[in-house]
């Protein structure tokens, strides 16, 4: 199987999994079951970074996607959040996995987040990787037009 085909199939499986399980998070929230502490911390850090620099455009990489670290420093918006929380540092090798989607990183690291949290982080990351400024990346993940009428 070609690498491109494998990546495409992985993406289909990823989004199918999210679509099938989003209802679980909704049921949890409606019944007062808390979401993960770690997920909420990561999301809060992403929101803080977007609020601090809402017009920042993440530079595209040659391979597409994002790098969590560049030259030993946080790079993408999620990378900044993970760095600020001490989940990654300059020696972290997650970018060497050859995948940039946060769901794969979360699984690889064994972090426990809800499907809704993973989905939201993936949406922010996809928006960033597709050329949206950080503020709009978060707003689009929220389904909001707070930062731009075109969202």
C-alpha atoms as a PDB file:
ATOM      1  CA  UNK A   1       0.000   0.000   0.000  1.00  0.00           C
ATOM      2  CA  UNK A   2       1.372   3.398  -0.906  1.00  0.00           C
ATOM      3  CA  UNK A   3       2.241   5.847   1.862  1.00  0.00           C
ATOM      4  CA  UNK A   4      -0.308   8.357   0.562  1.00  0.00           C
ATOM      5  CA  UNK A   5      -3.059   5.724   0.516  1.00  0.00           C
ATOM      6  CA  UNK A   6      -2.154   4.597   4.058  1.00  0.00           C
ATOM      7  CA  UNK A   7      -2.250   8.196   5.312  1.00  0.00           C
ATOM      8  CA  UNK A   8      -5.627   8.727   3.608  1.00  0.00           C
ATOM      9  CA  UNK A   9      -7.084   5.574   5.160  1.00  0.00           C
ATOM     10  CA  UNK A  10      -5.691   6.507   8.592  1.00  0.00           C
ATOM     11  CA  UNK A  11      -7.420   9.891   8.297  1.00  0.00           C
ATOM     12  CA  UNK A  12     -10.757   8.284   7.336  1.00  0.00           C
ATOM     13  CA  UNK A  13     -10.532   5.925  10.301  1.00  0.00           C
ATOM     14  CA  UNK A  14      -9.595   8.818  12.599  1.00  0.00           C
ATOM     15  CA  UNK A  15     -12.577  10.947  11.581  1.00  0.00           C
ATOM     16  CA  UNK A  16     -14.971   7.980  11.631  1.00  0.00           C
ATOM     17  CA  UNK A  17     -13.879   7.226  15.179  1.00  0.00           C
ATOM     18  CA  UNK A  18     -14.411  10.842  16.215  1.00  0.00           C
ATOM     19  CA  UNK A  19     -17.846  11.021  14.557  1.00  0.00           C
ATOM     20  CA  UNK A  20     -18.984   7.797  16.213  1.00  0.00           C
ATOM     21  CA  UNK A  21     -17.764   8.846  19.648  1.00  0.00           C
ATOM     22  CA  UNK A  22     -18.664  12.538  19.822  1.00  0.00           C
ATOM     23  CA  UNK A  23     -22.048  11.535  21.210  1.00  0.00           C
ATOM     24  CA  UNK A  24     -20.300   9.938  24.185  1.00  0.00           C
ATOM     25  CA  UNK A  25     -18.744  13.250  25.236  1.00  0.00           C
ATOM     26  CA  UNK A  26     -22.084  15.010  24.766  1.00  0.00           C
ATOM     27  CA  UNK A  27     -23.786  12.478  27.009  1.00  0.00           C
ATOM     28  CA  UNK A  28     -21.003  12.850  29.583  1.00  0.00           C
ATOM     29  CA  UNK A  29     -21.370  16.623  29.664  1.00  0.00           C
ATOM     30  CA  UNK A  30     -25.168  16.534  29.817  1.00  0.00           C
ATOM     31  CA  UNK A  31     -24.976  14.168  32.773  1.00  0.00           C
ATOM     32  CA  UNK A  32     -22.352  16.150  34.643  1.00  0.00           C
ATOM     33  CA  UNK A  33     -19.514  13.718  33.979  1.00  0.00           C
ATOM     34  CA  UNK A  34     -16.353  15.815  33.843  1.00  0.00           C
ATOM     35  CA  UNK A  35     -14.065  15.956  30.875  1.00  0.00           C
ATOM     36  CA  UNK A  36     -10.395  15.143  31.355  1.00  0.00           C
ATOM     37  CA  UNK A  37      -8.301  17.441  33.489  1.00  0.00           C
ATOM     38  CA  UNK A  38      -5.349  17.216  31.107  1.00  0.00           C
ATOM     39  CA  UNK A  39      -7.497  17.932  28.060  1.00  0.00           C
ATOM     40  CA  UNK A  40      -8.988  21.004  29.669  1.00  0.00           C
ATOM     41  CA  UNK A  41      -5.500  22.261  30.583  1.00  0.00           C
ATOM     42  CA  UNK A  42      -4.210  21.773  27.035  1.00  0.00           C
ATOM     43  CA  UNK A  43      -7.271  23.510  25.578  1.00  0.00           C
ATOM     44  CA  UNK A  44      -6.888  26.421  28.004  1.00  0.00           C
ATOM     45  CA  UNK A  45      -3.248  26.827  26.939  1.00  0.00           C
ATOM     46  CA  UNK A  46      -4.197  26.735  23.246  1.00  0.00           C
ATOM     47  CA  UNK A  47      -6.850  29.394  23.861  1.00  0.00           C
ATOM     48  CA  UNK A  48      -4.365  31.553  25.797  1.00  0.00           C
ATOM     49  CA  UNK A  49      -1.791  31.356  22.982  1.00  0.00           C
ATOM     50  CA  UNK A  50      -4.430  32.238  20.370  1.00  0.00           C
ATOM     51  CA  UNK A  51      -5.653  35.161  22.471  1.00  0.00           C
ATOM     52  CA  UNK A  52      -2.091  36.435  22.961  1.00  0.00           C
ATOM     53  CA  UNK A  53      -1.293  36.311  19.222  1.00  0.00           C
ATOM     54  CA  UNK A  54      -4.568  35.963  17.271  1.00  0.00           C
ATOM     55  CA  UNK A  55      -3.166  37.119  13.915  1.00  0.00           C
ATOM     56  CA  UNK A  56      -0.161  34.778  13.914  1.00  0.00           C
ATOM     57  CA  UNK A  57       0.065  32.657  10.750  1.00  0.00           C
ATOM     58  CA  UNK A  58       1.899  29.413  11.305  1.00  0.00           C
ATOM     59  CA  UNK A  59       4.521  28.862   8.568  1.00  0.00           C
ATOM     60  CA  UNK A  60       3.762  25.833   6.453  1.00  0.00           C
ATOM     61  CA  UNK A  61       6.211  22.954   6.537  1.00  0.00           C
ATOM     62  CA  UNK A  62       7.491  21.181   3.441  1.00  0.00           C
ATOM     63  CA  UNK A  63       5.637  18.009   4.375  1.00  0.00           C
ATOM     64  CA  UNK A  64       2.461  19.832   5.355  1.00  0.00           C
ATOM     65  CA  UNK A  65       1.063  19.649   8.834  1.00  0.00           C
ATOM     66  CA  UNK A  66       2.932  21.091  11.738  1.00  0.00           C
ATOM     67  CA  UNK A  67       5.947  20.505  13.890  1.00  0.00           C
ATOM     68  CA  UNK A  68       5.419  20.664  17.607  1.00  0.00           C
ATOM     69  CA  UNK A  69       9.051  21.726  18.080  1.00  0.00           C
ATOM     70  CA  UNK A  70      11.545  23.515  15.847  1.00  0.00           C
ATOM     71  CA  UNK A  71      15.132  24.035  16.902  1.00  0.00           C
ATOM     72  CA  UNK A  72      14.298  22.845  20.404  1.00  0.00           C
ATOM     73  CA  UNK A  73      11.488  25.381  20.897  1.00  0.00           C
ATOM     74  CA  UNK A  74       7.682  25.104  20.677  1.00  0.00           C
ATOM     75  CA  UNK A  75       6.415  25.749  17.179  1.00  0.00           C
ATOM     76  CA  UNK A  76       2.749  25.071  16.404  1.00  0.00           C
ATOM     77  CA  UNK A  77      -0.092  26.289  18.620  1.00  0.00           C
ATOM     78  CA  UNK A  78      -0.598  22.865  20.205  1.00  0.00           C
ATOM     79  CA  UNK A  79       3.173  22.515  20.634  1.00  0.00           C
ATOM     80  CA  UNK A  80       3.160  25.751  22.644  1.00  0.00           C
ATOM     81  CA  UNK A  81       0.383  24.401  24.871  1.00  0.00           C
ATOM     82  CA  UNK A  82       2.169  21.088  25.460  1.00  0.00           C
ATOM     83  CA  UNK A  83       5.439  22.940  26.175  1.00  0.00           C
ATOM     84  CA  UNK A  84       3.824  25.362  28.622  1.00  0.00           C
ATOM     85  CA  UNK A  85       2.339  22.435  30.537  1.00  0.00           C
ATOM     86  CA  UNK A  86       5.680  20.610  30.677  1.00  0.00           C
ATOM     87  CA  UNK A  87       4.383  17.715  28.549  1.00  0.00           C
ATOM     88  CA  UNK A  88       7.132  18.204  25.967  1.00  0.00           C
ATOM     89  CA  UNK A  89      10.563  19.762  26.129  1.00  0.00           C
ATOM     90  CA  UNK A  90      13.543  20.276  23.830  1.00  0.00           C
ATOM     91  CA  UNK A  91      14.439  16.559  24.028  1.00  0.00           C
ATOM     92  CA  UNK A  92      10.942  15.327  23.088  1.00  0.00           C
ATOM     93  CA  UNK A  93      11.022  13.132  19.980  1.00  0.00           C
ATOM     94  CA  UNK A  94       7.326  13.094  19.055  1.00  0.00           C
ATOM     95  CA  UNK A  95       7.945  14.955  15.799  1.00  0.00           C
ATOM     96  CA  UNK A  96      10.136  12.011  14.760  1.00  0.00           C
ATOM     97  CA  UNK A  97       7.036   9.783  14.582  1.00  0.00           C
ATOM     98  CA  UNK A  98       6.354  11.163  11.095  1.00  0.00           C
ATOM     99  CA  UNK A  99       2.779  12.103  11.992  1.00  0.00           C
ATOM    100  CA  UNK A 100       1.584  15.443  13.143  1.00  0.00           C
ATOM    101  CA  UNK A 101      -2.053  14.889  14.037  1.00  0.00           C
ATOM    102  CA  UNK A 102      -2.572  15.454  17.741  1.00  0.00           C
ATOM    103  CA  UNK A 103      -4.693  12.302  18.072  1.00  0.00           C
ATOM    104  CA  UNK A 104      -1.695  10.163  17.130  1.00  0.00           C
ATOM    105  CA  UNK A 105       0.570  12.035  19.543  1.00  0.00           C
ATOM    106  CA  UNK A 106      -1.955  11.675  22.379  1.00  0.00           C
ATOM    107  CA  UNK A 107      -2.243   7.951  21.713  1.00  0.00           C
ATOM    108  CA  UNK A 108       1.536   7.496  21.457  1.00  0.00           C
ATOM    109  CA  UNK A 109       2.163   9.363  24.720  1.00  0.00           C
ATOM    110  CA  UNK A 110      -0.659   7.563  26.531  1.00  0.00           C
ATOM    111  CA  UNK A 111      -2.391  10.775  27.566  1.00  0.00           C
ATOM    112  CA  UNK A 112      -6.055  10.353  28.463  1.00  0.00           C
ATOM    113  CA  UNK A 113      -8.286  12.923  26.768  1.00  0.00           C
ATOM    114  CA  UNK A 114     -11.894  12.672  25.714  1.00  0.00           C
ATOM    115  CA  UNK A 115     -12.885  12.300  22.077  1.00  0.00           C
ATOM    116  CA  UNK A 116     -14.381  15.801  22.137  1.00  0.00           C
ATOM    117  CA  UNK A 117     -11.131  17.288  23.424  1.00  0.00           C
ATOM    118  CA  UNK A 118      -9.090  15.431  20.805  1.00  0.00           C
ATOM    119  CA  UNK A 119     -11.530  16.516  18.098  1.00  0.00           C
ATOM    120  CA  UNK A 120     -11.324  20.185  19.138  1.00  0.00           C
ATOM    121  CA  UNK A 121      -7.514  20.131  19.248  1.00  0.00           C
ATOM    122  CA  UNK A 122      -7.423  18.420  15.844  1.00  0.00           C
ATOM    123  CA  UNK A 123      -9.710  21.097  14.400  1.00  0.00           C
ATOM    124  CA  UNK A 124      -7.527  23.916  15.745  1.00  0.00           C
ATOM    125  CA  UNK A 125      -4.461  22.180  14.357  1.00  0.00           C
ATOM    126  CA  UNK A 126      -6.076  21.579  10.945  1.00  0.00           C
ATOM    127  CA  UNK A 127      -7.192  25.207  10.750  1.00  0.00           C
ATOM    128  CA  UNK A 128      -3.682  26.404  11.627  1.00  0.00           C
ATOM    129  CA  UNK A 129      -2.140  24.042   9.056  1.00  0.00           C
ATOM    130  CA  UNK A 130      -4.545  25.290   6.398  1.00  0.00           C
ATOM    131  CA  UNK A 131      -3.424  28.883   6.772  1.00  0.00           C
ATOM    132  CA  UNK A 132      -5.813  30.339   9.332  1.00  0.00           C
ATOM    133  CA  UNK A 133      -4.397  32.713  11.942  1.00  0.00           C
ATOM    134  CA  UNK A 134      -4.346  31.291  15.443  1.00  0.00           C
ATOM    135  CA  UNK A 135      -7.315  33.336  16.674  1.00  0.00           C
ATOM    136  CA  UNK A 136      -9.461  32.205  13.765  1.00  0.00           C
ATOM    137  CA  UNK A 137      -8.214  28.630  14.103  1.00  0.00           C
ATOM    138  CA  UNK A 138      -9.654  28.503  17.613  1.00  0.00           C
ATOM    139  CA  UNK A 139     -12.835  30.360  16.642  1.00  0.00           C
ATOM    140  CA  UNK A 140     -13.463  27.962  13.752  1.00  0.00           C
ATOM    141  CA  UNK A 141     -12.928  24.965  16.047  1.00  0.00           C
ATOM    142  CA  UNK A 142     -15.490  26.514  18.380  1.00  0.00           C
ATOM    143  CA  UNK A 143     -17.907  27.008  15.477  1.00  0.00           C
ATOM    144  CA  UNK A 144     -17.804  30.725  16.235  1.00  0.00           C
ATOM    145  CA  UNK A 145     -17.276  33.807  14.107  1.00  0.00           C
ATOM    146  CA  UNK A 146     -15.873  35.859  16.954  1.00  0.00           C
ATOM    147  CA  UNK A 147     -12.648  36.723  15.143  1.00  0.00           C
ATOM    148  CA  UNK A 148     -13.864  37.065  11.552  1.00  0.00           C
ATOM    149  CA  UNK A 149     -17.218  37.326   9.829  1.00  0.00           C
ATOM    150  CA  UNK A 150     -16.090  34.881   7.137  1.00  0.00           C
ATOM    151  CA  UNK A 151     -15.708  31.997   9.580  1.00  0.00           C
END
